[in-house]
Amino acid sequence: MINEVLHSRLIAFFLGLWAMYCASIGAYDGALFIPMIYATLLLLNHIDQKKSEGSRNAHAQNK
């Protein structure tokens, strides 16, 4: 479920719109804050996938 949300083009589109809106009114903290949260979620998801992939490989090698 989280993968579909994180890799959604619709979410990326709205993040781009939000950043453009905030930049146009001069609120650069708002233009950077939400995409930074999104990037953090992507990074944490990637790390979690690496952990689960590594444990599956280690489990397969032990058999």
N, C-alpha and C. Protein backbone atom coordinates (compact mmCIF):
# COMPACT_ATOMS: atom_id res chain seq x y z
N MET A 1 0.82 -1.20 0.00
CA MET A 1 0.00 0.00 0.00
C MET A 1 0.86 1.26 0.00
N ILE A 2 1.87 1.30 0.87
CA ILE A 2 2.69 2.51 0.95
C ILE A 2 3.48 2.73 -0.33
N ASN A 3 3.87 1.65 -1.01
CA ASN A 3 4.61 1.80 -2.26
C ASN A 3 3.76 2.49 -3.32
N GLU A 4 2.48 2.12 -3.40
CA GLU A 4 1.62 2.74 -4.38
C GLU A 4 1.43 4.23 -4.09
N VAL A 5 1.34 4.57 -2.82
CA VAL A 5 1.16 5.97 -2.45
C VAL A 5 2.43 6.76 -2.70
N LEU A 6 3.58 6.19 -2.33
CA LEU A 6 4.84 6.92 -2.47
C LEU A 6 5.24 7.10 -3.93
N HIS A 7 4.88 6.14 -4.77
CA HIS A 7 5.28 6.23 -6.17
C HIS A 7 4.14 6.69 -7.07
N SER A 8 3.17 7.35 -6.49
CA SER A 8 2.02 7.83 -7.24
C SER A 8 2.38 9.09 -8.02
N ARG A 9 2.00 9.11 -9.28
CA ARG A 9 2.23 10.32 -10.09
C ARG A 9 1.33 11.45 -9.63
N LEU A 10 0.15 11.12 -9.14
CA LEU A 10 -0.78 12.13 -8.66
C LEU A 10 -0.21 12.85 -7.44
N ILE A 11 0.38 12.11 -6.52
CA ILE A 11 1.02 12.73 -5.34
C ILE A 11 2.17 13.62 -5.78
N ALA A 12 2.99 13.14 -6.71
CA ALA A 12 4.11 13.95 -7.20
C ALA A 12 3.61 15.21 -7.89
N PHE A 13 2.52 15.11 -8.62
CA PHE A 13 1.95 16.27 -9.30
C PHE A 13 1.51 17.31 -8.28
N PHE A 14 0.79 16.88 -7.24
CA PHE A 14 0.33 17.82 -6.23
C PHE A 14 1.48 18.40 -5.41
N LEU A 15 2.53 17.63 -5.19
CA LEU A 15 3.71 18.19 -4.51
C LEU A 15 4.35 19.28 -5.37
N GLY A 16 4.40 19.05 -6.67
CA GLY A 16 4.94 20.07 -7.57
C GLY A 16 4.08 21.32 -7.58
N LEU A 17 2.76 21.14 -7.60
CA LEU A 17 1.86 22.29 -7.55
C LEU A 17 2.02 23.06 -6.24
N TRP A 18 2.12 22.32 -5.14
CA TRP A 18 2.28 22.97 -3.83
C TRP A 18 3.60 23.76 -3.78
N ALA A 19 4.66 23.16 -4.26
CA ALA A 19 5.95 23.85 -4.24
C ALA A 19 5.91 25.09 -5.13
N MET A 20 5.25 24.99 -6.28
CA MET A 20 5.16 26.14 -7.18
C MET A 20 4.30 27.25 -6.55
N TYR A 21 3.22 26.86 -5.91
CA TYR A 21 2.36 27.85 -5.24
C TYR A 21 3.11 28.56 -4.12
N CYS A 22 3.77 27.78 -3.27
CA CYS A 22 4.50 28.38 -2.15
C CYS A 22 5.64 29.27 -2.64
N ALA A 23 6.32 28.84 -3.68
CA ALA A 23 7.41 29.66 -4.22
C ALA A 23 6.87 30.94 -4.84
N SER A 24 5.69 30.88 -5.43
CA SER A 24 5.14 32.08 -6.07
C SER A 24 4.70 33.12 -5.05
N ILE A 25 4.29 32.69 -3.85
CA ILE A 25 3.91 33.67 -2.83
C ILE A 25 5.07 34.00 -1.90
N GLY A 26 6.20 33.35 -2.10
CA GLY A 26 7.39 33.67 -1.32
C GLY A 26 7.53 32.87 -0.04
N ALA A 27 6.74 31.83 0.13
CA ALA A 27 6.83 30.99 1.34
C ALA A 27 7.72 29.80 1.04
N TYR A 28 9.01 30.03 1.04
CA TYR A 28 9.95 28.98 0.63
C TYR A 28 10.05 27.86 1.66
N ASP A 29 9.73 28.14 2.92
CA ASP A 29 9.74 27.07 3.91
C ASP A 29 8.64 26.05 3.61
N GLY A 30 7.48 26.52 3.19
CA GLY A 30 6.40 25.60 2.81
C GLY A 30 6.70 24.86 1.53
N ALA A 31 7.44 25.52 0.63
CA ALA A 31 7.79 24.88 -0.64
C ALA A 31 8.79 23.76 -0.43
N LEU A 32 9.54 23.80 0.63
CA LEU A 32 10.55 22.77 0.89
C LEU A 32 10.13 21.75 1.94
N PHE A 33 9.25 22.14 2.85
CA PHE A 33 8.92 21.27 3.99
C PHE A 33 8.22 19.99 3.56
N ILE A 34 7.15 20.08 2.80
CA ILE A 34 6.38 18.89 2.41
C ILE A 34 7.19 17.98 1.49
N PRO A 35 7.91 18.49 0.48
CA PRO A 35 8.75 17.57 -0.32
C PRO A 35 9.85 16.90 0.50
N MET A 36 10.35 17.56 1.53
CA MET A 36 11.36 16.93 2.39
C MET A 36 10.75 15.77 3.17
N ILE A 37 9.52 15.93 3.63
CA ILE A 37 8.83 14.81 4.30
C ILE A 37 8.64 13.66 3.33
N TYR A 38 8.24 13.96 2.10
CA TYR A 38 8.04 12.95 1.08
C TYR A 38 9.36 12.22 0.78
N ALA A 39 10.44 12.98 0.66
CA ALA A 39 11.75 12.38 0.40
C ALA A 39 12.19 11.50 1.56
N THR A 40 11.90 11.92 2.79
CA THR A 40 12.23 11.11 3.96
C THR A 40 11.45 9.80 3.95
N LEU A 41 10.16 9.86 3.60
CA LEU A 41 9.36 8.65 3.51
C LEU A 41 9.89 7.71 2.43
N LEU A 42 10.30 8.27 1.29
CA LEU A 42 10.89 7.44 0.24
C LEU A 42 12.16 6.77 0.71
N LEU A 43 13.01 7.52 1.41
CA LEU A 43 14.26 6.97 1.91
C LEU A 43 14.02 5.86 2.93
N LEU A 44 13.10 6.11 3.86
CA LEU A 44 12.80 5.08 4.86
C LEU A 44 12.20 3.84 4.22
N ASN A 45 11.37 4.01 3.21
CA ASN A 45 10.78 2.87 2.51
C ASN A 45 11.87 2.08 1.79
N HIS A 46 12.81 2.78 1.18
CA HIS A 46 13.90 2.12 0.47
C HIS A 46 14.78 1.33 1.44
N ILE A 47 15.09 1.93 2.59
CA ILE A 47 15.90 1.24 3.59
C ILE A 47 15.18 0.01 4.11
N ASP A 48 13.87 0.12 4.34
CA ASP A 48 13.08 -1.01 4.83
C ASP A 48 13.06 -2.14 3.80
N GLN A 49 12.96 -1.79 2.51
CA GLN A 49 12.97 -2.81 1.47
C GLN A 49 14.33 -3.50 1.40
N LYS A 50 15.40 -2.74 1.57
CA LYS A 50 16.75 -3.32 1.56
C LYS A 50 16.91 -4.30 2.72
N LYS A 51 16.40 -3.93 3.91
CA LYS A 51 16.51 -4.80 5.07
C LYS A 51 15.77 -6.10 4.84
N SER A 52 14.55 -6.01 4.34
CA SER A 52 13.76 -7.23 4.14
C SER A 52 14.35 -8.08 3.03
N GLU A 53 14.91 -7.44 2.01
CA GLU A 53 15.55 -8.18 0.92
C GLU A 53 16.81 -8.87 1.42
N GLY A 54 17.58 -8.19 2.25
CA GLY A 54 18.80 -8.78 2.80
C GLY A 54 18.51 -9.95 3.72
N SER A 55 17.45 -9.85 4.51
CA SER A 55 17.12 -10.95 5.41
C SER A 55 16.60 -12.15 4.62
N ARG A 56 15.90 -11.91 3.51
CA ARG A 56 15.44 -13.03 2.69
C ARG A 56 16.62 -13.74 2.05
N ASN A 57 17.60 -12.95 1.58
CA ASN A 57 18.79 -13.56 0.98
C ASN A 57 19.58 -14.35 2.00
N ALA A 58 19.72 -13.83 3.20
CA ALA A 58 20.46 -14.53 4.25
C ALA A 58 19.71 -15.80 4.65
N HIS A 59 18.40 -15.74 4.70
CA HIS A 59 17.61 -16.91 5.06
C HIS A 59 17.71 -17.98 3.97
N ALA A 60 17.72 -17.57 2.72
CA ALA A 60 17.83 -18.53 1.61
C ALA A 60 19.21 -19.18 1.58
N GLN A 61 20.25 -18.44 1.96
CA GLN A 61 21.61 -18.99 1.94
C GLN A 61 21.81 -19.98 3.08
N ASN A 62 21.09 -19.83 4.18
CA ASN A 62 21.24 -20.73 5.33
C ASN A 62 20.59 -22.08 5.09
N LYS A 63 19.69 -22.18 4.15
CA LYS A 63 19.00 -23.46 3.89
C LYS A 63 19.86 -24.43 3.14
